[in-house]
């Protein structure tokens, strides 16, 4: 039987945003987001996390364990240093060699981003069969999991924010906009035209890649996660649900799978 920490802090460090969640046992009690800054020190991170915990009456001393997934390598090390310096808690960094319970069936398993593997673990635990995670982050990641629970690989496409920034920077007359539901496919202003192109265009991209993956994988369940999923998913035909907490759940699962067992 696994011994589960009283309070686990799960930390998903993305290129754009960092998502934190506090678990009491298996229950997520609170979560927060802040902008990722690659140059942040362990002291600055400790200050930020302490402040967020304080908003809910928690402190660093209340944490029993920390589980970190980072796609920004220096920050993974800084979080480990933060835990060692400020917490009387263990820190698990998602990296090669940890137990995930998921075989990786790609040419070089070391290439799998920690966030992609964490999402795959959570999705398979939820679905219990063949599934695909579509993560709307800095890039749009498609991760395919077999019916037997094997990570098979996937696809990577440019993210919405990255694409919008590139368009604005390269075209002098294109305004920066907030992405939202288009009023129509035929936009009657520059802003409306950009919304149409991005929302309907990325919905078509998602469906196109999803259908090709399903041709190879067989029938599968599609789940979406990530910041801009709610903008695009309503206009897709292949994604069945959104789970914004998928990565945090995966971190909890991986932490539990790396606990020593008690007789």
C-alpha atoms as a PDB file:
ATOM      1  CA  UNK A   1       0.000   0.000   0.000  1.00  0.00           C
ATOM      2  CA  UNK A   2       1.390   3.425  -0.943  1.00  0.00           C
ATOM      3  CA  UNK A   3       2.023   6.084   1.683  1.00  0.00           C
ATOM      4  CA  UNK A   4       0.664   9.317   0.178  1.00  0.00           C
ATOM      5  CA  UNK A   5       2.013  12.685   1.293  1.00  0.00           C
ATOM      6  CA  UNK A   6      -0.340  14.885   3.318  1.00  0.00           C
ATOM      7  CA  UNK A   7       0.287  17.820   0.967  1.00  0.00           C
ATOM      8  CA  UNK A   8       1.950  17.379  -2.428  1.00  0.00           C
ATOM      9  CA  UNK A   9       2.824  20.388  -4.558  1.00  0.00           C
ATOM     10  CA  UNK A  10       2.776  19.489  -8.264  1.00  0.00           C
ATOM     11  CA  UNK A  11       4.650  21.935 -10.500  1.00  0.00           C
ATOM     12  CA  UNK A  12       4.367  21.944 -14.296  1.00  0.00           C
ATOM     13  CA  UNK A  13       6.974  24.314 -15.747  1.00  0.00           C
ATOM     14  CA  UNK A  14       6.087  25.178 -19.344  1.00  0.00           C
ATOM     15  CA  UNK A  15       7.875  27.500 -21.735  1.00  0.00           C
ATOM     16  CA  UNK A  16       5.213  30.184 -21.274  1.00  0.00           C
ATOM     17  CA  UNK A  17       3.394  29.438 -18.025  1.00  0.00           C
ATOM     18  CA  UNK A  18       4.021  27.531 -14.806  1.00  0.00           C
ATOM     19  CA  UNK A  19       1.036  25.680 -13.321  1.00  0.00           C
ATOM     20  CA  UNK A  20       1.077  24.639  -9.660  1.00  0.00           C
ATOM     21  CA  UNK A  21      -1.377  22.454  -7.784  1.00  0.00           C
ATOM     22  CA  UNK A  22      -1.646  21.483  -4.114  1.00  0.00           C
ATOM     23  CA  UNK A  23      -2.954  17.954  -3.468  1.00  0.00           C
ATOM     24  CA  UNK A  24      -4.155  16.610  -0.157  1.00  0.00           C
ATOM     25  CA  UNK A  25      -3.957  12.898  -0.835  1.00  0.00           C
ATOM     26  CA  UNK A  26      -5.625  12.436  -4.199  1.00  0.00           C
ATOM     27  CA  UNK A  27      -7.709  15.619  -3.980  1.00  0.00           C
ATOM     28  CA  UNK A  28      -6.563  18.810  -5.708  1.00  0.00           C
ATOM     29  CA  UNK A  29      -7.362  21.583  -3.244  1.00  0.00           C
ATOM     30  CA  UNK A  30      -6.008  24.597  -5.137  1.00  0.00           C
ATOM     31  CA  UNK A  31      -4.022  25.520  -8.217  1.00  0.00           C
ATOM     32  CA  UNK A  32      -2.312  28.619  -9.586  1.00  0.00           C
ATOM     33  CA  UNK A  33      -0.565  29.874 -12.729  1.00  0.00           C
ATOM     34  CA  UNK A  34       2.209  32.395 -13.286  1.00  0.00           C
ATOM     35  CA  UNK A  35       4.444  33.380 -16.173  1.00  0.00           C
ATOM     36  CA  UNK A  36       7.567  31.263 -16.590  1.00  0.00           C
ATOM     37  CA  UNK A  37      10.814  33.216 -16.455  1.00  0.00           C
ATOM     38  CA  UNK A  38      13.798  31.130 -17.494  1.00  0.00           C
ATOM     39  CA  UNK A  39      16.270  33.264 -15.523  1.00  0.00           C
ATOM     40  CA  UNK A  40      14.454  33.014 -12.188  1.00  0.00           C
ATOM     41  CA  UNK A  41      16.570  31.897  -9.231  1.00  0.00           C
ATOM     42  CA  UNK A  42      15.533  29.391  -6.578  1.00  0.00           C
ATOM     43  CA  UNK A  43      15.104  32.304  -4.108  1.00  0.00           C
ATOM     44  CA  UNK A  44      12.758  34.141  -6.483  1.00  0.00           C
ATOM     45  CA  UNK A  45      10.763  30.973  -7.112  1.00  0.00           C
ATOM     46  CA  UNK A  46      10.481  30.319  -3.376  1.00  0.00           C
ATOM     47  CA  UNK A  47       9.158  33.848  -2.854  1.00  0.00           C
ATOM     48  CA  UNK A  48       6.579  33.450  -5.650  1.00  0.00           C
ATOM     49  CA  UNK A  49       5.371  30.056  -4.446  1.00  0.00           C
ATOM     50  CA  UNK A  50       5.254  31.149  -0.809  1.00  0.00           C
ATOM     51  CA  UNK A  51       3.087  34.108  -1.796  1.00  0.00           C
ATOM     52  CA  UNK A  52       0.650  31.971  -3.763  1.00  0.00           C
ATOM     53  CA  UNK A  53       0.375  29.421  -0.962  1.00  0.00           C
ATOM     54  CA  UNK A  54      -0.243  32.259   1.478  1.00  0.00           C
ATOM     55  CA  UNK A  55      -3.324  33.331  -0.471  1.00  0.00           C
ATOM     56  CA  UNK A  56      -4.951  30.100   0.712  1.00  0.00           C
ATOM     57  CA  UNK A  57      -3.538  30.049   4.211  1.00  0.00           C
ATOM     58  CA  UNK A  58      -0.714  27.634   3.385  1.00  0.00           C
ATOM     59  CA  UNK A  59       3.041  27.963   3.740  1.00  0.00           C
ATOM     60  CA  UNK A  60       6.150  26.175   2.517  1.00  0.00           C
ATOM     61  CA  UNK A  61       6.263  24.295   5.823  1.00  0.00           C
ATOM     62  CA  UNK A  62       2.896  22.676   5.005  1.00  0.00           C
ATOM     63  CA  UNK A  63       4.349  20.837   2.006  1.00  0.00           C
ATOM     64  CA  UNK A  64       5.394  17.226   2.450  1.00  0.00           C
ATOM     65  CA  UNK A  65       6.588  16.623  -1.114  1.00  0.00           C
ATOM     66  CA  UNK A  66       7.087  18.351  -4.461  1.00  0.00           C
ATOM     67  CA  UNK A  67       6.871  16.790  -7.927  1.00  0.00           C
ATOM     68  CA  UNK A  68       8.225  18.840 -10.827  1.00  0.00           C
ATOM     69  CA  UNK A  69       7.925  18.533 -14.592  1.00  0.00           C
ATOM     70  CA  UNK A  70       9.977  21.100 -16.484  1.00  0.00           C
ATOM     71  CA  UNK A  71      10.612  21.725 -20.172  1.00  0.00           C
ATOM     72  CA  UNK A  72      12.996  24.558 -19.193  1.00  0.00           C
ATOM     73  CA  UNK A  73      16.074  22.605 -17.963  1.00  0.00           C
ATOM     74  CA  UNK A  74      17.635  25.265 -15.676  1.00  0.00           C
ATOM     75  CA  UNK A  75      14.369  25.715 -13.812  1.00  0.00           C
ATOM     76  CA  UNK A  76      14.072  22.040 -12.958  1.00  0.00           C
ATOM     77  CA  UNK A  77      17.393  22.311 -11.120  1.00  0.00           C
ATOM     78  CA  UNK A  78      16.310  25.540  -9.406  1.00  0.00           C
ATOM     79  CA  UNK A  79      13.162  23.889  -8.071  1.00  0.00           C
ATOM     80  CA  UNK A  80      15.240  21.042  -6.656  1.00  0.00           C
ATOM     81  CA  UNK A  81      17.512  23.614  -4.978  1.00  0.00           C
ATOM     82  CA  UNK A  82      14.481  25.506  -3.678  1.00  0.00           C
ATOM     83  CA  UNK A  83      13.122  22.382  -1.999  1.00  0.00           C
ATOM     84  CA  UNK A  84      16.491  21.532  -0.497  1.00  0.00           C
ATOM     85  CA  UNK A  85      16.953  25.026   0.887  1.00  0.00           C
ATOM     86  CA  UNK A  86      13.506  26.044   2.092  1.00  0.00           C
ATOM     87  CA  UNK A  87      11.484  22.858   2.636  1.00  0.00           C
ATOM     88  CA  UNK A  88      11.725  19.784   4.792  1.00  0.00           C
ATOM     89  CA  UNK A  89      10.280  17.759   1.950  1.00  0.00           C
ATOM     90  CA  UNK A  90      11.330  15.414  -0.820  1.00  0.00           C
ATOM     91  CA  UNK A  91      11.475  16.552  -4.447  1.00  0.00           C
ATOM     92  CA  UNK A  92      10.805  14.295  -7.434  1.00  0.00           C
ATOM     93  CA  UNK A  93      11.880  15.693 -10.802  1.00  0.00           C
ATOM     94  CA  UNK A  94      10.319  13.957 -13.799  1.00  0.00           C
ATOM     95  CA  UNK A  95      13.386  12.734 -15.663  1.00  0.00           C
ATOM     96  CA  UNK A  96      14.789   9.558 -17.239  1.00  0.00           C
ATOM     97  CA  UNK A  97      14.895   6.699 -14.776  1.00  0.00           C
ATOM     98  CA  UNK A  98      11.794   7.456 -12.727  1.00  0.00           C
ATOM     99  CA  UNK A  99       8.855   5.058 -12.622  1.00  0.00           C
ATOM    100  CA  UNK A 100       5.941   6.062 -14.816  1.00  0.00           C
ATOM    101  CA  UNK A 101       4.258   2.725 -15.432  1.00  0.00           C
ATOM    102  CA  UNK A 102       4.217   3.533 -19.142  1.00  0.00           C
ATOM    103  CA  UNK A 103       6.528   1.880 -21.722  1.00  0.00           C
ATOM    104  CA  UNK A 104       7.942   4.390 -24.232  1.00  0.00           C
ATOM    105  CA  UNK A 105       7.896   3.050 -27.797  1.00  0.00           C
ATOM    106  CA  UNK A 106       9.803   5.698 -29.725  1.00  0.00           C
ATOM    107  CA  UNK A 107      13.272   5.608 -31.278  1.00  0.00           C
ATOM    108  CA  UNK A 108      14.921   7.631 -28.509  1.00  0.00           C
ATOM    109  CA  UNK A 109      12.938   7.680 -25.234  1.00  0.00           C
ATOM    110  CA  UNK A 110      15.140  10.518 -23.941  1.00  0.00           C
ATOM    111  CA  UNK A 111      13.532  12.839 -26.504  1.00  0.00           C
ATOM    112  CA  UNK A 112      10.117  12.704 -24.834  1.00  0.00           C
ATOM    113  CA  UNK A 113       9.368  15.987 -23.078  1.00  0.00           C
ATOM    114  CA  UNK A 114       8.482  15.578 -19.410  1.00  0.00           C
ATOM    115  CA  UNK A 115       5.147  17.357 -19.899  1.00  0.00           C
ATOM    116  CA  UNK A 116       4.172  15.029 -22.747  1.00  0.00           C
ATOM    117  CA  UNK A 117       4.892  11.918 -20.716  1.00  0.00           C
ATOM    118  CA  UNK A 118       3.045  13.279 -17.686  1.00  0.00           C
ATOM    119  CA  UNK A 119      -0.018  14.062 -19.816  1.00  0.00           C
ATOM    120  CA  UNK A 120       0.086  10.592 -21.351  1.00  0.00           C
ATOM    121  CA  UNK A 121       0.159   8.910 -17.927  1.00  0.00           C
ATOM    122  CA  UNK A 122      -2.835  10.943 -16.734  1.00  0.00           C
ATOM    123  CA  UNK A 123      -4.828  10.385 -19.917  1.00  0.00           C
ATOM    124  CA  UNK A 124      -4.370   6.616 -19.897  1.00  0.00           C
ATOM    125  CA  UNK A 125      -5.258   6.433 -16.204  1.00  0.00           C
ATOM    126  CA  UNK A 126      -8.472   8.300 -17.006  1.00  0.00           C
ATOM    127  CA  UNK A 127      -9.462   6.532 -20.226  1.00  0.00           C
ATOM    128  CA  UNK A 128      -8.059   3.042 -19.668  1.00  0.00           C
ATOM    129  CA  UNK A 129      -7.596   2.509 -23.401  1.00  0.00           C
ATOM    130  CA  UNK A 130      -6.250   4.035 -26.587  1.00  0.00           C
ATOM    131  CA  UNK A 131      -6.217   7.825 -26.331  1.00  0.00           C
ATOM    132  CA  UNK A 132      -4.591  10.971 -27.650  1.00  0.00           C
ATOM    133  CA  UNK A 133      -3.754  14.116 -25.678  1.00  0.00           C
ATOM    134  CA  UNK A 134      -3.774  17.446 -27.513  1.00  0.00           C
ATOM    135  CA  UNK A 135      -1.911  19.994 -25.386  1.00  0.00           C
ATOM    136  CA  UNK A 136      -2.381  23.657 -26.350  1.00  0.00           C
ATOM    137  CA  UNK A 137       0.812  25.245 -25.071  1.00  0.00           C
ATOM    138  CA  UNK A 138       3.688  27.145 -26.670  1.00  0.00           C
ATOM    139  CA  UNK A 139       3.428  24.411 -29.285  1.00  0.00           C
ATOM    140  CA  UNK A 140       0.457  22.127 -29.884  1.00  0.00           C
ATOM    141  CA  UNK A 141       1.490  18.612 -28.884  1.00  0.00           C
ATOM    142  CA  UNK A 142      -0.343  15.461 -29.941  1.00  0.00           C
ATOM    143  CA  UNK A 143       0.583  12.427 -27.827  1.00  0.00           C
ATOM    144  CA  UNK A 144      -0.730   8.967 -28.703  1.00  0.00           C
ATOM    145  CA  UNK A 145      -1.133   6.158 -26.184  1.00  0.00           C
ATOM    146  CA  UNK A 146      -1.949   2.592 -27.236  1.00  0.00           C
ATOM    147  CA  UNK A 147      -4.745   0.433 -25.836  1.00  0.00           C
ATOM    148  CA  UNK A 148      -2.035  -1.389 -23.863  1.00  0.00           C
ATOM    149  CA  UNK A 149      -0.851   1.842 -22.226  1.00  0.00           C
ATOM    150  CA  UNK A 150       2.284   2.438 -24.318  1.00  0.00           C
ATOM    151  CA  UNK A 151       3.508   5.888 -25.280  1.00  0.00           C
ATOM    152  CA  UNK A 152       3.784   5.760 -29.082  1.00  0.00           C
ATOM    153  CA  UNK A 153       4.870   9.289 -30.020  1.00  0.00           C
ATOM    154  CA  UNK A 154       2.848  11.987 -31.702  1.00  0.00           C
ATOM    155  CA  UNK A 155       3.012  15.278 -33.554  1.00  0.00           C
ATOM    156  CA  UNK A 156       4.075  18.842 -32.760  1.00  0.00           C
ATOM    157  CA  UNK A 157       2.560  21.919 -34.413  1.00  0.00           C
ATOM    158  CA  UNK A 158       3.140  25.627 -33.741  1.00  0.00           C
ATOM    159  CA  UNK A 159       1.069  27.088 -30.916  1.00  0.00           C
ATOM    160  CA  UNK A 160      -1.505  29.834 -31.333  1.00  0.00           C
ATOM    161  CA  UNK A 161       0.334  32.528 -29.397  1.00  0.00           C
ATOM    162  CA  UNK A 162       3.618  31.823 -31.179  1.00  0.00           C
ATOM    163  CA  UNK A 163       1.891  31.968 -34.557  1.00  0.00           C
ATOM    164  CA  UNK A 164       0.010  35.160 -33.730  1.00  0.00           C
ATOM    165  CA  UNK A 165       3.183  36.856 -32.478  1.00  0.00           C
ATOM    166  CA  UNK A 166       5.034  35.893 -35.665  1.00  0.00           C
ATOM    167  CA  UNK A 167       2.212  37.271 -37.825  1.00  0.00           C
ATOM    168  CA  UNK A 168       2.052  40.576 -35.940  1.00  0.00           C
ATOM    169  CA  UNK A 169       5.827  41.017 -36.031  1.00  0.00           C
ATOM    170  CA  UNK A 170       6.123  40.244 -39.749  1.00  0.00           C
ATOM    171  CA  UNK A 171       3.096  42.204 -41.001  1.00  0.00           C
ATOM    172  CA  UNK A 172       3.071  45.908 -40.167  1.00  0.00           C
ATOM    173  CA  UNK A 173      -0.684  46.369 -40.586  1.00  0.00           C
ATOM    174  CA  UNK A 174      -1.767  43.313 -38.590  1.00  0.00           C
ATOM    175  CA  UNK A 175      -2.975  44.273 -35.081  1.00  0.00           C
ATOM    176  CA  UNK A 176      -2.394  42.261 -31.913  1.00  0.00           C
ATOM    177  CA  UNK A 177      -5.713  40.786 -30.757  1.00  0.00           C
ATOM    178  CA  UNK A 178      -7.090  38.527 -28.070  1.00  0.00           C
ATOM    179  CA  UNK A 179      -8.155  35.229 -29.577  1.00  0.00           C
ATOM    180  CA  UNK A 180     -11.871  34.629 -29.119  1.00  0.00           C
ATOM    181  CA  UNK A 181     -14.853  33.037 -30.862  1.00  0.00           C
ATOM    182  CA  UNK A 182     -15.214  34.409 -34.403  1.00  0.00           C
ATOM    183  CA  UNK A 183     -18.532  35.971 -35.403  1.00  0.00           C
ATOM    184  CA  UNK A 184     -18.292  34.471 -38.882  1.00  0.00           C
ATOM    185  CA  UNK A 185     -15.855  32.858 -41.277  1.00  0.00           C
ATOM    186  CA  UNK A 186     -15.906  36.022 -43.422  1.00  0.00           C
ATOM    187  CA  UNK A 187     -14.413  38.653 -41.152  1.00  0.00           C
ATOM    188  CA  UNK A 188     -15.528  42.224 -41.906  1.00  0.00           C
ATOM    189  CA  UNK A 189     -12.538  43.831 -40.176  1.00  0.00           C
ATOM    190  CA  UNK A 190      -8.888  42.949 -39.747  1.00  0.00           C
ATOM    191  CA  UNK A 191      -9.520  41.772 -36.201  1.00  0.00           C
ATOM    192  CA  UNK A 192     -12.486  39.638 -37.235  1.00  0.00           C
ATOM    193  CA  UNK A 193     -10.513  38.161 -40.128  1.00  0.00           C
ATOM    194  CA  UNK A 194      -7.612  37.201 -37.843  1.00  0.00           C
ATOM    195  CA  UNK A 195      -9.989  35.558 -35.355  1.00  0.00           C
ATOM    196  CA  UNK A 196     -11.602  33.596 -38.173  1.00  0.00           C
ATOM    197  CA  UNK A 197      -8.287  32.508 -39.625  1.00  0.00           C
ATOM    198  CA  UNK A 198      -6.776  31.462 -36.333  1.00  0.00           C
ATOM    199  CA  UNK A 199      -9.740  29.813 -34.632  1.00  0.00           C
ATOM    200  CA  UNK A 200     -11.203  28.024 -37.655  1.00  0.00           C
ATOM    201  CA  UNK A 201      -7.767  27.418 -39.136  1.00  0.00           C
ATOM    202  CA  UNK A 202      -6.333  25.782 -36.006  1.00  0.00           C
ATOM    203  CA  UNK A 203      -9.539  23.792 -35.491  1.00  0.00           C
ATOM    204  CA  UNK A 204      -9.020  22.390 -38.983  1.00  0.00           C
ATOM    205  CA  UNK A 205      -5.360  21.677 -38.232  1.00  0.00           C
ATOM    206  CA  UNK A 206      -6.344  19.800 -35.069  1.00  0.00           C
ATOM    207  CA  UNK A 207      -8.960  17.707 -36.838  1.00  0.00           C
ATOM    208  CA  UNK A 208      -6.664  16.957 -39.772  1.00  0.00           C
ATOM    209  CA  UNK A 209      -3.827  15.663 -37.609  1.00  0.00           C
ATOM    210  CA  UNK A 210      -6.231  13.864 -35.261  1.00  0.00           C
ATOM    211  CA  UNK A 211      -7.836  11.923 -38.101  1.00  0.00           C
ATOM    212  CA  UNK A 212      -4.464  10.871 -39.493  1.00  0.00           C
ATOM    213  CA  UNK A 213      -3.357   9.678 -36.058  1.00  0.00           C
ATOM    214  CA  UNK A 214      -6.567   7.705 -35.627  1.00  0.00           C
ATOM    215  CA  UNK A 215      -6.020   6.030 -38.996  1.00  0.00           C
ATOM    216  CA  UNK A 216      -2.745   4.640 -37.610  1.00  0.00           C
ATOM    217  CA  UNK A 217      -3.754   4.114 -33.976  1.00  0.00           C
ATOM    218  CA  UNK A 218      -7.305   2.883 -34.423  1.00  0.00           C
ATOM    219  CA  UNK A 219     -10.301   4.182 -32.531  1.00  0.00           C
ATOM    220  CA  UNK A 220      -9.156   6.400 -29.693  1.00  0.00           C
ATOM    221  CA  UNK A 221     -10.471   8.982 -27.279  1.00  0.00           C
ATOM    222  CA  UNK A 222      -9.177  12.540 -27.735  1.00  0.00           C
ATOM    223  CA  UNK A 223      -8.585  14.823 -24.745  1.00  0.00           C
ATOM    224  CA  UNK A 224      -7.399  18.413 -24.779  1.00  0.00           C
ATOM    225  CA  UNK A 225      -5.538  20.429 -22.172  1.00  0.00           C
ATOM    226  CA  UNK A 226      -3.666  23.735 -22.043  1.00  0.00           C
ATOM    227  CA  UNK A 227      -4.457  27.417 -21.890  1.00  0.00           C
ATOM    228  CA  UNK A 228      -6.121  28.030 -25.265  1.00  0.00           C
ATOM    229  CA  UNK A 229      -7.930  24.706 -25.579  1.00  0.00           C
ATOM    230  CA  UNK A 230     -11.249  26.332 -24.658  1.00  0.00           C
ATOM    231  CA  UNK A 231     -10.944  28.756 -27.597  1.00  0.00           C
ATOM    232  CA  UNK A 232     -10.356  26.102 -30.268  1.00  0.00           C
ATOM    233  CA  UNK A 233     -11.940  22.851 -29.072  1.00  0.00           C
ATOM    234  CA  UNK A 234     -15.588  23.966 -29.501  1.00  0.00           C
ATOM    235  CA  UNK A 235     -14.902  24.252 -33.244  1.00  0.00           C
ATOM    236  CA  UNK A 236     -13.236  20.856 -33.626  1.00  0.00           C
ATOM    237  CA  UNK A 237     -14.947  17.608 -34.570  1.00  0.00           C
ATOM    238  CA  UNK A 238     -12.506  15.143 -33.021  1.00  0.00           C
ATOM    239  CA  UNK A 239     -11.763  16.291 -29.459  1.00  0.00           C
ATOM    240  CA  UNK A 240     -14.254  14.961 -26.931  1.00  0.00           C
ATOM    241  CA  UNK A 241     -13.356  16.845 -23.759  1.00  0.00           C
ATOM    242  CA  UNK A 242     -11.057  19.371 -22.116  1.00  0.00           C
ATOM    243  CA  UNK A 243      -9.188  18.677 -18.884  1.00  0.00           C
ATOM    244  CA  UNK A 244      -7.201  21.718 -17.809  1.00  0.00           C
ATOM    245  CA  UNK A 245      -5.845  19.825 -14.788  1.00  0.00           C
ATOM    246  CA  UNK A 246      -4.528  16.825 -16.727  1.00  0.00           C
ATOM    247  CA  UNK A 247      -0.827  17.598 -16.244  1.00  0.00           C
ATOM    248  CA  UNK A 248      -1.167  18.198 -12.507  1.00  0.00           C
ATOM    249  CA  UNK A 249      -3.023  14.901 -12.170  1.00  0.00           C
ATOM    250  CA  UNK A 250      -0.241  13.143 -14.082  1.00  0.00           C
ATOM    251  CA  UNK A 251       2.365  14.584 -11.725  1.00  0.00           C
ATOM    252  CA  UNK A 252       0.435  13.234  -8.744  1.00  0.00           C
ATOM    253  CA  UNK A 253       0.195   9.803 -10.335  1.00  0.00           C
ATOM    254  CA  UNK A 254       3.916   9.687 -11.130  1.00  0.00           C
ATOM    255  CA  UNK A 255       4.784  10.811  -7.611  1.00  0.00           C
ATOM    256  CA  UNK A 256       2.643   8.012  -6.171  1.00  0.00           C
ATOM    257  CA  UNK A 257       4.250   5.443  -8.483  1.00  0.00           C
ATOM    258  CA  UNK A 258       7.688   6.386  -7.162  1.00  0.00           C
ATOM    259  CA  UNK A 259       6.792   6.054  -3.477  1.00  0.00           C
ATOM    260  CA  UNK A 260       8.205   3.164  -1.465  1.00  0.00           C
ATOM    261  CA  UNK A 261       5.545   0.612  -0.628  1.00  0.00           C
ATOM    262  CA  UNK A 262       4.607  -0.374   2.865  1.00  0.00           C
ATOM    263  CA  UNK A 263       3.940  -3.951   3.892  1.00  0.00           C
END
